[in-house]
Amino acid sequence: MDALLDEGLRAAIYFLEKNGEFFPFGVTMSPSCEIIHTQGWTGDEHPPSQEVIDVLLHGFAAGAERGEYKIRQSVMPEMARSTMPVAMRESIDL
């Protein structure tokens, strides 16, 4: 689970540093321990975050029923910001 959370936070920090923001996304681990990034597409270029979260959760539930995941992790912007060192959060917020 640490590897999954670490991968999600690394991606979130990358997106924040590069773009200043990111849409919610997920990181999953297959039964063979392959780590995969997952995004939710609503059909809109700039959807509300909750719509993306709903798509992700629906996809996670469907994938779990099919046995596609060993574990999964959702990453939302506030999660990434709260785990960053204060200096990094402040530099991104500028």
N, C-alpha and C. Protein backbone atom coordinates (compact mmCIF):
# COMPACT_ATOMS: atom_id res chain seq x y z
N MET A 1 0.82 -1.19 0.00
CA MET A 1 0.00 0.00 0.00
C MET A 1 0.87 1.26 0.00
N ASP A 2 2.01 1.23 0.68
CA ASP A 2 2.89 2.39 0.69
C ASP A 2 3.35 2.74 -0.72
N ALA A 3 3.64 1.74 -1.53
CA ALA A 3 4.09 1.99 -2.91
C ALA A 3 3.00 2.69 -3.71
N LEU A 4 1.76 2.30 -3.48
CA LEU A 4 0.64 2.90 -4.20
C LEU A 4 0.44 4.36 -3.77
N LEU A 5 0.45 4.60 -2.48
CA LEU A 5 0.29 5.96 -1.98
C LEU A 5 1.46 6.83 -2.44
N ASP A 6 2.67 6.30 -2.38
CA ASP A 6 3.84 7.04 -2.82
C ASP A 6 3.73 7.41 -4.30
N GLU A 7 3.31 6.47 -5.12
CA GLU A 7 3.15 6.74 -6.56
C GLU A 7 2.09 7.82 -6.80
N GLY A 8 0.98 7.74 -6.07
CA GLY A 8 -0.07 8.74 -6.22
C GLY A 8 0.39 10.13 -5.80
N LEU A 9 1.09 10.20 -4.69
CA LEU A 9 1.57 11.50 -4.22
C LEU A 9 2.65 12.07 -5.15
N ARG A 10 3.52 11.21 -5.67
CA ARG A 10 4.53 11.69 -6.63
C ARG A 10 3.86 12.30 -7.86
N ALA A 11 2.84 11.62 -8.37
CA ALA A 11 2.13 12.14 -9.54
C ALA A 11 1.42 13.44 -9.21
N ALA A 12 0.79 13.50 -8.04
CA ALA A 12 0.07 14.72 -7.65
C ALA A 12 1.03 15.90 -7.53
N ILE A 13 2.16 15.68 -6.90
CA ILE A 13 3.15 16.75 -6.75
C ILE A 13 3.67 17.19 -8.12
N TYR A 14 3.91 16.23 -9.01
CA TYR A 14 4.35 16.57 -10.37
C TYR A 14 3.31 17.46 -11.06
N PHE A 15 2.03 17.06 -11.00
CA PHE A 15 0.98 17.85 -11.65
C PHE A 15 0.86 19.23 -11.02
N LEU A 16 0.99 19.32 -9.69
CA LEU A 16 0.90 20.62 -9.03
C LEU A 16 2.07 21.52 -9.43
N GLU A 17 3.26 20.96 -9.48
CA GLU A 17 4.43 21.76 -9.86
C GLU A 17 4.36 22.18 -11.32
N LYS A 18 3.89 21.30 -12.19
CA LYS A 18 3.84 21.58 -13.63
C LYS A 18 2.66 22.47 -14.00
N ASN A 19 1.48 22.16 -13.45
CA ASN A 19 0.26 22.84 -13.88
C ASN A 19 -0.41 23.69 -12.81
N GLY A 20 0.02 23.54 -11.57
CA GLY A 20 -0.60 24.28 -10.48
C GLY A 20 -1.90 23.67 -9.99
N GLU A 21 -2.33 22.58 -10.60
CA GLU A 21 -3.57 21.92 -10.21
C GLU A 21 -3.63 20.55 -10.88
N PHE A 22 -4.61 19.75 -10.47
CA PHE A 22 -4.87 18.49 -11.16
C PHE A 22 -6.28 18.03 -10.82
N PHE A 23 -6.83 17.23 -11.70
CA PHE A 23 -8.12 16.61 -11.43
C PHE A 23 -7.88 15.37 -10.58
N PRO A 24 -8.87 14.97 -9.79
CA PRO A 24 -8.72 13.73 -9.02
C PRO A 24 -8.37 12.57 -9.96
N PHE A 25 -7.56 11.66 -9.46
CA PHE A 25 -7.18 10.48 -10.23
C PHE A 25 -6.99 9.32 -9.27
N GLY A 26 -6.77 8.16 -9.81
CA GLY A 26 -6.56 6.98 -8.97
C GLY A 26 -5.29 6.26 -9.37
N VAL A 27 -4.82 5.46 -8.47
CA VAL A 27 -3.68 4.59 -8.72
C VAL A 27 -4.10 3.21 -8.22
N THR A 28 -3.94 2.21 -9.06
CA THR A 28 -4.34 0.86 -8.68
C THR A 28 -3.15 -0.09 -8.78
N MET A 29 -3.29 -1.20 -8.09
CA MET A 29 -2.29 -2.26 -8.20
C MET A 29 -3.02 -3.52 -8.63
N SER A 30 -2.53 -4.10 -9.71
CA SER A 30 -3.13 -5.32 -10.23
C SER A 30 -2.75 -6.51 -9.34
N PRO A 31 -3.42 -7.64 -9.51
CA PRO A 31 -3.04 -8.82 -8.74
C PRO A 31 -1.58 -9.23 -8.96
N SER A 32 -0.99 -8.85 -10.10
CA SER A 32 0.42 -9.16 -10.36
C SER A 32 1.35 -8.04 -9.87
N CYS A 33 0.80 -7.10 -9.09
CA CYS A 33 1.53 -5.98 -8.46
C CYS A 33 1.97 -4.90 -9.44
N GLU A 34 1.35 -4.81 -10.61
CA GLU A 34 1.63 -3.71 -11.55
C GLU A 34 0.86 -2.47 -11.08
N ILE A 35 1.54 -1.33 -11.01
CA ILE A 35 0.91 -0.07 -10.60
C ILE A 35 0.43 0.66 -11.84
N ILE A 36 -0.84 1.07 -11.81
CA ILE A 36 -1.49 1.69 -12.97
C ILE A 36 -2.18 2.98 -12.53
N HIS A 37 -1.97 4.06 -13.28
CA HIS A 37 -2.68 5.32 -13.03
C HIS A 37 -4.04 5.27 -13.72
N THR A 38 -5.05 5.81 -13.05
CA THR A 38 -6.41 5.78 -13.58
C THR A 38 -6.99 7.19 -13.55
N GLN A 39 -7.59 7.59 -14.65
CA GLN A 39 -8.25 8.89 -14.71
C GLN A 39 -9.72 8.68 -15.05
N GLY A 40 -10.55 9.60 -14.60
CA GLY A 40 -11.97 9.53 -14.93
C GLY A 40 -12.30 10.56 -16.00
N TRP A 41 -12.94 10.13 -17.06
CA TRP A 41 -13.31 11.03 -18.16
C TRP A 41 -14.82 11.21 -18.14
N THR A 42 -15.26 12.45 -18.04
CA THR A 42 -16.69 12.75 -18.00
C THR A 42 -17.22 13.22 -19.35
N GLY A 43 -16.31 13.47 -20.30
CA GLY A 43 -16.71 14.02 -21.58
C GLY A 43 -16.55 15.53 -21.63
N ASP A 44 -16.16 16.13 -20.52
CA ASP A 44 -15.99 17.58 -20.41
C ASP A 44 -14.52 17.88 -20.14
N GLU A 45 -13.97 18.89 -20.79
CA GLU A 45 -12.57 19.26 -20.58
C GLU A 45 -12.30 19.79 -19.17
N HIS A 46 -13.28 20.44 -18.56
CA HIS A 46 -13.10 21.03 -17.23
C HIS A 46 -14.29 20.67 -16.34
N PRO A 47 -14.43 19.40 -16.00
CA PRO A 47 -15.58 18.98 -15.19
C PRO A 47 -15.39 19.34 -13.72
N PRO A 48 -16.49 19.43 -12.98
CA PRO A 48 -16.37 19.57 -11.53
C PRO A 48 -15.64 18.35 -10.96
N SER A 49 -14.82 18.55 -9.96
CA SER A 49 -14.06 17.44 -9.38
C SER A 49 -14.95 16.30 -8.92
N GLN A 50 -16.11 16.62 -8.35
CA GLN A 50 -16.98 15.56 -7.84
C GLN A 50 -17.44 14.63 -8.96
N GLU A 51 -17.66 15.17 -10.15
CA GLU A 51 -18.04 14.31 -11.28
C GLU A 51 -16.91 13.33 -11.62
N VAL A 52 -15.68 13.81 -11.58
CA VAL A 52 -14.53 12.94 -11.86
C VAL A 52 -14.42 11.87 -10.77
N ILE A 53 -14.60 12.28 -9.52
CA ILE A 53 -14.56 11.32 -8.41
C ILE A 53 -15.63 10.25 -8.58
N ASP A 54 -16.84 10.66 -8.96
CA ASP A 54 -17.92 9.69 -9.16
C ASP A 54 -17.57 8.68 -10.25
N VAL A 55 -16.99 9.16 -11.36
CA VAL A 55 -16.58 8.26 -12.45
C VAL A 55 -15.49 7.30 -11.95
N LEU A 56 -14.52 7.83 -11.22
CA LEU A 56 -13.45 6.98 -10.69
C LEU A 56 -14.00 5.90 -9.76
N LEU A 57 -14.86 6.30 -8.83
CA LEU A 57 -15.40 5.33 -7.87
C LEU A 57 -16.23 4.26 -8.56
N HIS A 58 -16.99 4.67 -9.57
CA HIS A 58 -17.77 3.69 -10.34
C HIS A 58 -16.83 2.71 -11.04
N GLY A 59 -15.78 3.23 -11.65
CA GLY A 59 -14.81 2.38 -12.33
C GLY A 59 -14.07 1.46 -11.37
N PHE A 60 -13.74 1.98 -10.18
CA PHE A 60 -13.08 1.14 -9.18
C PHE A 60 -13.99 -0.01 -8.74
N ALA A 61 -15.26 0.30 -8.53
CA ALA A 61 -16.21 -0.74 -8.10
C ALA A 61 -16.33 -1.82 -9.18
N ALA A 62 -16.45 -1.39 -10.43
CA ALA A 62 -16.57 -2.36 -11.53
C ALA A 62 -15.30 -3.20 -11.66
N GLY A 63 -14.15 -2.57 -11.56
CA GLY A 63 -12.88 -3.29 -11.65
C GLY A 63 -12.69 -4.26 -10.49
N ALA A 64 -13.13 -3.87 -9.30
CA ALA A 64 -13.02 -4.75 -8.14
C ALA A 64 -13.89 -5.99 -8.33
N GLU A 65 -15.09 -5.80 -8.87
CA GLU A 65 -15.98 -6.94 -9.13
C GLU A 65 -15.34 -7.92 -10.11
N ARG A 66 -14.57 -7.40 -11.06
CA ARG A 66 -13.91 -8.25 -12.05
C ARG A 66 -12.58 -8.81 -11.55
N GLY A 67 -12.18 -8.42 -10.33
CA GLY A 67 -10.92 -8.92 -9.77
C GLY A 67 -9.68 -8.28 -10.37
N GLU A 68 -9.82 -7.05 -10.89
CA GLU A 68 -8.70 -6.38 -11.55
C GLU A 68 -7.71 -5.74 -10.59
N TYR A 69 -8.10 -5.52 -9.35
CA TYR A 69 -7.25 -4.78 -8.42
C TYR A 69 -6.88 -5.60 -7.20
N LYS A 70 -5.63 -5.45 -6.83
CA LYS A 70 -5.19 -5.97 -5.54
C LYS A 70 -5.52 -4.90 -4.49
N ILE A 71 -5.16 -3.65 -4.79
CA ILE A 71 -5.53 -2.49 -3.98
C ILE A 71 -5.69 -1.29 -4.89
N ARG A 72 -6.32 -0.24 -4.37
CA ARG A 72 -6.48 0.99 -5.15
C ARG A 72 -6.37 2.18 -4.22
N GLN A 73 -6.03 3.34 -4.79
CA GLN A 73 -5.89 4.57 -4.03
C GLN A 73 -6.42 5.71 -4.88
N SER A 74 -7.33 6.50 -4.30
CA SER A 74 -7.81 7.71 -4.97
C SER A 74 -6.96 8.88 -4.49
N VAL A 75 -6.68 9.81 -5.39
CA VAL A 75 -5.89 10.98 -5.02
C VAL A 75 -6.66 12.23 -5.42
N MET A 76 -6.95 13.06 -4.43
CA MET A 76 -7.64 14.31 -4.67
C MET A 76 -6.66 15.45 -4.36
N PRO A 77 -6.85 16.62 -4.97
CA PRO A 77 -5.91 17.72 -4.75
C PRO A 77 -5.62 18.03 -3.29
N GLU A 78 -6.62 18.04 -2.42
CA GLU A 78 -6.37 18.39 -1.02
C GLU A 78 -5.52 17.34 -0.32
N MET A 79 -5.61 16.08 -0.72
CA MET A 79 -4.77 15.04 -0.13
C MET A 79 -3.31 15.33 -0.42
N ALA A 80 -3.02 15.70 -1.64
CA ALA A 80 -1.63 15.95 -2.02
C ALA A 80 -1.08 17.16 -1.28
N ARG A 81 -1.84 18.21 -1.23
CA ARG A 81 -1.37 19.42 -0.56
C ARG A 81 -1.13 19.18 0.93
N SER A 82 -1.99 18.40 1.58
CA SER A 82 -1.86 18.20 3.02
C SER A 82 -0.66 17.34 3.39
N THR A 83 -0.11 16.57 2.46
CA THR A 83 1.03 15.72 2.78
C THR A 83 2.36 16.33 2.34
N MET A 84 2.32 17.46 1.67
CA MET A 84 3.55 18.11 1.22
C MET A 84 4.19 18.89 2.36
N PRO A 85 5.50 19.05 2.32
CA PRO A 85 6.14 19.96 3.26
C PRO A 85 5.59 21.37 3.08
N VAL A 86 5.53 22.13 4.16
CA VAL A 86 4.94 23.47 4.12
C VAL A 86 5.61 24.35 3.06
N ALA A 87 6.93 24.32 2.95
CA ALA A 87 7.63 25.17 1.97
C ALA A 87 7.19 24.84 0.55
N MET A 88 6.97 23.57 0.27
CA MET A 88 6.54 23.19 -1.08
C MET A 88 5.11 23.67 -1.33
N ARG A 89 4.22 23.53 -0.33
CA ARG A 89 2.84 24.00 -0.48
C ARG A 89 2.84 25.50 -0.75
N GLU A 90 3.65 26.25 0.00
CA GLU A 90 3.69 27.70 -0.17
C GLU A 90 4.22 28.09 -1.53
N SER A 91 5.21 27.38 -2.05
CA SER A 91 5.76 27.73 -3.36
C SER A 91 4.76 27.43 -4.47
N ILE A 92 3.96 26.40 -4.31
CA ILE A 92 2.94 26.08 -5.31
C ILE A 92 1.80 27.07 -5.24
N ASP A 93 1.46 27.53 -4.03
CA ASP A 93 0.35 28.46 -3.86
C ASP A 93 0.67 29.86 -4.37
N LEU A 94 1.95 30.19 -4.59
CA LEU A 94 2.32 31.54 -5.04
C LEU A 94 1.81 31.86 -6.41
